[in-house]
Protein backbone atom coordinates (compact mmCIF):
# COMPACT_ATOMS: atom_id res chain seq x y z
CA MET A 1 117.04 74.31 143.81
CA LEU A 2 114.65 73.93 140.86
CA ASP A 3 112.85 77.16 141.82
CA GLN A 4 116.14 79.06 141.87
CA PHE A 5 117.02 77.70 138.42
CA LEU A 6 113.61 78.71 137.02
CA ILE A 7 113.93 82.23 138.46
CA HIS A 8 117.44 82.53 136.98
CA PHE A 9 116.20 81.22 133.64
CA ASP A 10 113.25 83.65 133.62
CA LEU A 11 115.46 86.62 134.45
CA LYS A 12 117.99 85.66 131.81
CA THR A 13 115.27 85.11 129.21
CA SER A 14 113.64 88.43 130.03
CA PHE A 15 116.97 90.24 129.75
CA VAL A 16 117.79 88.65 126.38
CA LEU A 17 114.27 89.43 125.12
CA LEU A 18 114.69 93.06 126.24
CA ILE A 19 117.97 93.27 124.28
CA LEU A 20 116.31 91.79 121.19
CA ILE A 21 113.44 94.30 121.39
CA ALA A 22 115.92 97.18 121.81
CA LEU A 23 117.91 95.95 118.80
CA GLU A 24 114.73 95.70 116.73
CA ALA A 25 113.73 99.24 117.72
CA VAL A 26 117.14 100.70 116.81
CA LEU A 27 117.49 98.74 113.58
CA SER A 28 113.87 99.39 112.56
CA ALA A 29 114.02 103.19 112.25
CA ASP A 30 115.66 103.30 108.82
CA ASN A 31 113.61 100.29 107.71
CA ALA A 32 110.40 102.03 108.79
CA ILE A 33 111.11 105.21 106.84
CA ALA A 34 111.92 103.19 103.71
CA LEU A 35 108.62 101.31 104.02
CA ALA A 36 106.79 104.59 104.72
CA ALA A 37 108.28 106.17 101.58
CA ILE A 38 107.29 103.14 99.50
CA ALA A 39 103.74 103.20 100.87
CA GLN A 40 103.54 106.97 100.32
CA GLY A 41 104.11 106.30 96.63
CA LEU A 42 100.40 105.52 96.63
CA LYS A 43 98.43 108.76 96.79
CA ASP A 44 95.39 107.37 98.63
CA PRO A 45 95.93 107.16 102.44
CA LYS A 46 93.59 104.14 102.59
CA LEU A 47 95.73 102.30 100.02
CA GLN A 48 98.84 103.28 101.97
CA ARG A 49 97.45 101.57 105.09
CA HIS A 50 96.45 98.48 103.10
CA ALA A 51 99.90 98.31 101.49
CA LEU A 52 101.64 98.46 104.90
CA ASN A 53 99.28 95.92 106.52
CA ILE A 54 99.42 93.35 103.71
CA GLY A 55 103.07 94.01 102.85
CA LEU A 56 104.18 93.56 106.46
CA LEU A 57 102.08 90.40 106.77
CA PHE A 58 104.07 88.91 103.87
CA ALA A 59 107.23 90.43 105.38
CA TYR A 60 106.50 88.66 108.68
CA VAL A 61 106.20 85.28 106.92
CA LEU A 62 109.49 85.93 105.10
CA ARG A 63 111.19 87.06 108.31
CA ILE A 64 110.11 83.94 110.23
CA THR A 65 111.28 81.80 107.32
CA LEU A 66 114.63 83.61 107.45
CA ILE A 67 114.94 83.03 111.21
CA LEU A 68 114.16 79.30 110.86
CA THR A 69 116.67 78.89 108.04
CA ALA A 70 119.24 81.40 109.36
CA THR A 71 121.91 78.82 110.18
CA TRP A 72 121.73 77.72 106.54
CA VAL A 73 121.38 81.21 105.02
CA VAL A 74 124.46 82.63 106.79
CA LYS A 75 126.62 80.06 104.99
CA TYR A 76 125.86 81.66 101.62
CA TRP A 77 127.23 85.16 101.01
CA GLN A 78 125.06 85.41 97.88
CA PHE A 79 122.01 86.22 100.02
CA GLU A 80 123.70 89.25 101.58
CA LEU A 81 124.98 90.33 98.16
CA LEU A 82 121.44 90.18 96.77
CA GLY A 83 120.15 92.11 99.79
CA ALA A 84 122.83 94.78 99.35
CA ALA A 85 122.15 95.05 95.62
CA TYR A 86 118.40 95.42 96.24
CA LEU A 87 118.78 98.13 98.90
CA LEU A 88 121.27 100.10 96.78
CA TRP A 89 118.93 99.76 93.79
CA LEU A 90 116.08 101.11 95.95
CA VAL A 91 118.21 104.13 96.91
CA PHE A 92 119.24 104.70 93.28
CA ASN A 93 115.62 104.39 92.16
CA TYR A 94 114.54 106.98 94.73
CA PHE A 95 117.21 109.61 93.98
CA THR A 96 116.68 109.28 90.22
CA SER A 97 112.88 109.48 90.54
CA ASP A 98 110.84 112.50 89.45
CA LYS A 99 110.77 115.45 91.80
CA ASP A 100 107.57 116.42 93.56
CA ASP A 101 105.48 119.06 91.79
CA GLN A 102 104.99 121.04 94.99
CA GLN A 103 108.58 120.68 96.21
CA GLN A 104 110.92 120.93 93.25
CA ASN A 105 113.95 119.77 95.23
CA HIS A 106 112.26 116.69 96.69
CA HIS A 107 112.20 113.24 95.08
CA HIS A 108 109.15 111.06 95.42
CA LEU A 109 108.35 107.46 94.53
CA ASN A 110 105.16 106.93 92.56
CA PHE A 111 103.15 103.72 92.26
CA LYS A 112 99.94 103.13 90.33
CA SER A 113 98.84 99.89 91.99
CA LEU A 114 98.54 98.47 95.50
CA TRP A 115 100.01 95.18 94.29
CA GLN A 116 102.97 97.01 92.83
CA THR A 117 103.78 98.33 96.30
CA ILE A 118 103.19 95.25 98.50
CA PRO A 119 106.07 93.10 97.11
CA LEU A 120 108.50 96.03 97.53
CA ILE A 121 107.51 96.41 101.20
CA ALA A 122 107.92 92.67 101.86
CA VAL A 123 111.27 92.38 100.04
CA THR A 124 112.64 95.59 101.61
CA ASP A 125 111.93 94.27 105.11
CA LEU A 126 113.56 90.95 104.17
CA ALA A 127 116.70 92.73 102.95
CA PHE A 128 116.94 94.67 106.22
CA SER A 129 116.30 91.46 108.18
CA LEU A 130 119.44 89.85 106.74
CA ASP A 131 121.47 92.10 109.04
CA SER A 132 119.14 92.24 112.06
CA VAL A 133 118.51 88.48 112.20
CA THR A 134 122.26 87.80 112.15
CA THR A 135 122.63 90.20 115.08
CA ALA A 136 119.73 88.55 116.93
CA ILE A 137 121.29 85.08 116.52
CA ALA A 138 124.50 86.41 118.05
CA VAL A 139 122.54 87.62 121.10
CA ALA A 140 120.17 84.67 121.65
CA ASP A 141 120.54 80.98 120.94
CA GLN A 142 116.85 80.13 121.41
CA THR A 143 114.82 80.24 118.20
CA TRP A 144 111.51 81.02 119.92
CA LEU A 145 113.07 84.09 121.55
CA ILE A 146 114.33 85.36 118.18
CA ILE A 147 110.90 84.75 116.64
CA LEU A 148 109.22 86.62 119.51
CA GLY A 149 111.67 89.51 119.09
CA GLY A 150 111.02 89.51 115.34
CA THR A 151 107.26 89.51 115.90
CA ILE A 152 107.49 92.52 118.20
CA GLY A 153 109.81 94.13 115.66
CA VAL A 154 107.27 93.79 112.82
CA ILE A 155 104.48 95.21 115.01
CA THR A 156 106.75 98.13 115.99
CA LEU A 157 107.66 98.59 112.35
CA ARG A 158 104.00 98.95 111.36
CA PHE A 159 103.38 101.76 113.86
CA LEU A 160 106.69 103.48 113.07
CA ALA A 161 105.99 103.38 109.33
CA GLY A 162 102.56 104.93 109.93
CA LEU A 163 104.17 107.75 111.90
CA PHE A 164 106.87 108.31 109.28
CA ILE A 165 104.23 108.67 106.54
CA LYS A 166 102.90 111.68 108.47
CA TRP A 167 106.36 113.04 109.33
CA ILE A 168 107.56 112.81 105.72
CA GLU A 169 104.81 115.27 104.83
CA GLU A 170 106.00 117.66 107.56
CA TYR A 171 109.82 117.63 107.28
CA ILE A 172 111.74 118.59 104.14
CA HIS A 173 114.82 116.38 104.50
CA LEU A 174 113.34 113.35 106.29
CA GLU A 175 112.67 111.17 103.26
CA ASP A 176 116.11 111.91 101.78
CA ALA A 177 117.74 111.17 105.15
CA GLY A 178 115.86 107.89 105.36
CA PHE A 179 117.05 106.70 101.95
CA ILE A 180 120.63 107.72 102.73
CA THR A 181 120.48 105.45 105.79
CA VAL A 182 119.06 102.70 103.56
CA GLY A 183 122.19 103.22 101.46
CA PHE A 184 124.32 102.83 104.62
CA VAL A 185 122.70 99.45 105.33
CA GLY A 186 123.14 98.37 101.71
CA LEU A 187 126.83 99.34 101.76
CA ARG A 188 127.32 97.56 105.09
CA LEU A 189 125.89 94.34 103.63
CA LEU A 190 128.09 94.76 100.56
CA LEU A 191 131.21 95.25 102.72
CA LYS A 192 130.37 92.12 104.73
CA VAL A 193 130.62 90.16 101.48
CA VAL A 194 133.41 91.98 99.61
CA SER A 195 135.74 93.31 102.35
CA PRO A 196 134.67 92.20 105.84
CA GLN A 197 137.92 93.57 107.30
CA PHE A 198 136.72 97.10 106.49
CA LEU A 199 133.27 96.54 108.05
CA PRO A 200 132.59 99.34 110.56
CA PRO A 201 131.37 98.34 114.04
CA GLU A 202 127.64 98.43 114.78
CA TRP A 203 127.93 101.57 116.93
CA VAL A 204 129.34 103.55 113.99
CA MET A 205 126.25 102.65 111.94
CA ILE A 206 123.95 103.64 114.79
CA VAL A 207 125.70 107.02 115.24
CA ALA A 208 125.56 107.66 111.47
CA ILE A 209 121.85 106.79 111.37
CA ILE A 210 121.10 109.04 114.37
CA GLY A 211 123.01 111.87 112.67
CA MET A 212 121.00 111.47 109.47
CA PHE A 213 117.72 111.50 111.40
CA ILE A 214 118.73 114.66 113.27
CA TRP A 215 119.25 116.27 109.85
CA GLY A 216 116.00 114.76 108.60
CA PHE A 217 114.01 116.40 111.39
CA SER A 218 115.93 119.69 111.20
CA GLU A 219 113.59 121.64 108.90
CA LYS A 220 109.83 121.64 108.56
CA ILE A 221 108.00 122.11 105.28
CA PRO A 222 106.62 125.68 105.25
CA THR A 223 102.84 125.89 105.56
CA GLN A 224 100.56 128.71 104.46
CA GLU A 225 100.43 129.97 108.07
CA THR A 226 104.24 130.12 108.39
CA GLU A 227 104.50 131.87 105.02
CA LEU A 228 101.99 134.50 106.18
CA VAL A 229 103.96 135.01 109.42
CA LYS A 230 107.16 135.56 107.39
CA GLU A 231 105.41 138.10 105.15
CA ASP A 232 104.12 140.02 108.19
């Protein structure tokens, strides 16, 4: 009898954990590109890696703190309003930034210091976590499972952000698409506070994000080789 209960518990736990990991993967794509764009504001690739590693370490501490205090945080709409305001400010800051010298139609964040970048990475992940942690709590009622899912999410986020740094340099629209999806998340948080009755379902957000990423990967930045092929 006890063995059957343990097997049932293990299967249920594994299934819930799998759902949490899938949610983290889906909800991390737009977060990852935002963090990649922030890190890319540093010109030195070594500093970019340091910014992601240290920034996500702080982000992990903040995320665990959020999970442990989630039942208290969800009572106060001011947190979601601050998160929405921050994400929308980040989008505004990006689209009003100077355009890249090499690509006149492409905006680009610029940072002079590693320690100017790290807090932005940590706070950006925290703002995204306001939505993902609420979703995780709805799926699982065991704190350790949510923490484990969040831990895997941060590790996934680090690798995704590293990939996006490379992809941003290859695809013309990817960075713009990423910040538009950041705007979607910011608006969703704002609607949850101001007009929850107009809040679109989660699947609408996922479809919109997938659509933006399809556009983001739709056109590569021309290289010298492709330019030569066109001339021939």
